[in-house]
Protein backbone atom coordinates (compact mmCIF):
# COMPACT_ATOMS: atom_id res chain seq x y z
CA MET A 1 -22.76 16.18 -50.73
CA LEU A 2 -21.44 14.99 -54.07
CA PHE A 3 -18.14 14.00 -52.46
CA VAL A 4 -19.93 12.06 -49.70
CA GLY A 5 -22.05 10.25 -52.31
CA VAL A 6 -18.96 9.26 -54.32
CA VAL A 7 -17.20 8.00 -51.17
CA LEU A 8 -20.25 5.94 -50.14
CA CYS A 9 -20.50 4.43 -53.62
CA GLY A 10 -16.79 3.58 -53.51
CA VAL A 11 -17.15 1.89 -50.13
CA ALA A 12 -20.19 -0.07 -51.34
CA VAL A 13 -18.39 -1.28 -54.47
CA SER A 14 -15.31 -2.24 -52.43
CA ALA A 15 -17.45 -4.18 -49.95
CA ALA A 16 -19.22 -5.99 -52.80
CA PHE A 17 -15.89 -7.04 -54.35
CA ALA A 18 -14.55 -8.20 -50.97
CA LEU A 19 -17.65 -10.32 -50.26
CA ARG A 20 -17.55 -11.84 -53.74
CA ALA A 21 -13.85 -12.76 -53.37
CA PHE A 22 -14.50 -14.22 -49.92
CA ASN A 23 -17.40 -16.34 -51.20
CA GLU A 24 -15.40 -17.64 -54.18
CA ASN A 25 -12.52 -18.73 -51.93
CA LEU A 26 -14.57 -20.66 -49.38
CA LEU A 27 -13.82 -24.38 -49.33
CA TYR A 28 -16.74 -26.43 -48.09
CA PHE A 29 -16.32 -29.93 -46.67
CA PHE A 30 -18.53 -32.82 -47.77
CA SER A 31 -18.60 -36.46 -46.69
CA PRO A 32 -18.93 -39.33 -49.19
CA THR A 33 -22.60 -39.70 -48.17
CA GLN A 34 -23.28 -36.06 -49.04
CA VAL A 35 -21.47 -36.42 -52.39
CA VAL A 36 -23.46 -39.56 -53.28
CA ALA A 37 -26.69 -37.79 -52.28
CA GLY A 38 -25.88 -34.94 -54.70
CA GLU A 39 -25.45 -32.29 -51.99
CA ALA A 40 -21.93 -31.37 -53.16
CA PRO A 41 -21.58 -28.65 -55.80
CA THR A 42 -20.51 -29.72 -59.27
CA GLU A 43 -19.33 -26.30 -60.41
CA ARG A 44 -16.92 -25.44 -57.61
CA VAL A 45 -14.02 -26.87 -55.63
CA PHE A 46 -14.72 -28.47 -52.24
CA ARG A 47 -13.10 -30.85 -49.77
CA LEU A 48 -13.96 -34.54 -49.51
CA GLY A 49 -12.85 -36.44 -46.43
CA GLY A 50 -13.01 -39.97 -45.15
CA VAL A 51 -11.07 -43.20 -44.75
CA VAL A 52 -9.13 -44.64 -47.69
CA VAL A 53 -10.63 -48.09 -48.35
CA GLU A 54 -8.24 -51.01 -47.81
CA GLY A 55 -7.05 -52.51 -51.11
CA SER A 56 -8.51 -49.70 -53.23
CA VAL A 57 -5.34 -47.79 -54.16
CA VAL A 58 -4.46 -48.37 -57.82
CA ARG A 59 -1.50 -46.62 -59.42
CA GLU A 60 -1.19 -46.23 -63.18
CA PRO A 61 2.18 -47.67 -64.28
CA GLY A 62 4.62 -45.01 -65.47
CA SER A 63 2.58 -42.04 -64.23
CA LEU A 64 1.76 -40.15 -61.06
CA THR A 65 -1.96 -40.90 -61.40
CA VAL A 66 -3.53 -42.84 -58.56
CA GLU A 67 -7.13 -43.90 -57.97
CA PHE A 68 -8.60 -44.90 -54.62
CA LEU A 69 -11.88 -45.04 -52.75
CA VAL A 70 -12.84 -42.83 -49.81
CA THR A 71 -15.58 -43.94 -47.42
CA ASP A 72 -17.43 -42.68 -44.38
CA TYR A 73 -18.58 -46.29 -43.76
CA ALA A 74 -22.02 -45.53 -45.21
CA ASN A 75 -21.04 -44.58 -48.79
CA THR A 76 -17.94 -44.63 -50.94
CA VAL A 77 -16.65 -42.15 -53.55
CA PRO A 78 -13.94 -42.91 -56.14
CA VAL A 79 -11.07 -40.40 -56.17
CA ARG A 80 -8.58 -39.76 -58.97
CA TYR A 81 -5.41 -37.77 -58.25
CA THR A 82 -2.36 -36.97 -60.35
CA GLY A 83 0.66 -35.93 -58.32
CA VAL A 84 2.84 -36.97 -55.42
CA LEU A 85 0.86 -38.30 -52.46
CA PRO A 86 1.87 -37.23 -48.94
CA ASP A 87 4.15 -39.60 -47.02
CA LEU A 88 1.44 -40.30 -44.45
CA PHE A 89 -1.12 -41.39 -47.08
CA ARG A 90 -2.12 -45.01 -46.40
CA GLU A 91 -5.04 -47.36 -46.92
CA GLY A 92 -7.23 -47.50 -43.84
CA GLN A 93 -6.20 -43.96 -42.79
CA VAL A 94 -8.06 -40.65 -42.95
CA ALA A 95 -7.46 -38.47 -46.00
CA VAL A 96 -8.91 -35.15 -47.13
CA ALA A 97 -8.88 -34.28 -50.83
CA ARG A 98 -9.56 -30.92 -52.46
CA GLY A 99 -11.14 -30.95 -55.94
CA ARG A 100 -14.44 -31.39 -57.73
CA VAL A 101 -16.80 -34.13 -58.87
CA ASP A 102 -17.00 -34.83 -62.60
CA SER A 103 -20.11 -35.89 -64.52
CA SER A 104 -19.38 -39.60 -63.94
CA GLY A 105 -19.30 -39.20 -60.14
CA VAL A 106 -15.52 -39.47 -59.79
CA PHE A 107 -13.90 -36.92 -57.49
CA THR A 108 -10.92 -35.42 -59.31
CA ALA A 109 -8.54 -34.17 -56.64
CA GLU A 110 -6.16 -31.23 -57.00
CA GLU A 111 -4.58 -31.91 -53.60
CA VAL A 112 -4.60 -34.80 -51.12
CA LEU A 113 -3.86 -34.32 -47.42
CA ALA A 114 -3.25 -37.10 -44.90
CA LYS A 115 -3.64 -37.02 -41.15
CA HIS A 116 -0.48 -36.31 -39.19
CA ASP A 117 -0.64 -38.76 -36.27
CA GLU A 118 -2.62 -41.65 -34.81
CA ASN A 119 -4.90 -39.60 -32.57
CA TYR A 120 -5.90 -36.64 -34.74
CA ARG A 121 -8.83 -36.53 -37.14
CA PRO A 122 -10.11 -33.27 -38.57
CA PRO A 123 -13.38 -32.50 -36.74
CA ALA A 124 -15.49 -32.52 -39.91
CA VAL A 125 -14.06 -35.90 -40.97
CA ALA A 126 -14.55 -37.41 -37.50
CA GLU A 127 -18.18 -36.25 -37.44
CA ALA A 128 -18.85 -37.62 -40.94
CA LEU A 129 -17.29 -40.99 -40.02
CA GLU A 130 -19.39 -41.26 -36.86
CA LYS A 131 -22.58 -40.47 -38.84
CA GLY A 132 -21.59 -43.04 -41.48
CA ARG A 133 -20.95 -45.73 -38.90
CA ALA A 134 -24.27 -45.03 -37.23
CA ALA A 135 -26.10 -45.16 -40.57
CA SER A 136 -24.46 -48.43 -41.60
CA GLY A 137 -24.87 -50.06 -38.19
CA GLN A 138 -21.14 -50.60 -37.57
């Protein structure tokens, strides 16, 4: 009986560690409207997706830092990223960034992904854009 009890405790502890690791590695997606509304977590990494606003991309001279705006047509969130942007990154195109929101409301991205062709939009981004267009009356 002692052996069975030890095995059960070991399985329970292993399951608890596995669930904790799984929960910590989940990446949730939020639209700009959800970020502006405060629904996005401030203490963990998440994905932000939307359309890069035309004329909003500003590069700091002599560095890899770039700032741009992402919109779902209802709300807009400023994004700051330091690194090499993907080749397909363009104003007016869909982008998904992974990072977190700082205390000033700027999304600091660790990674930026761009869509891969004219017809594809990640389902979560497409849904957020449709909701944003409906909310803004476009």
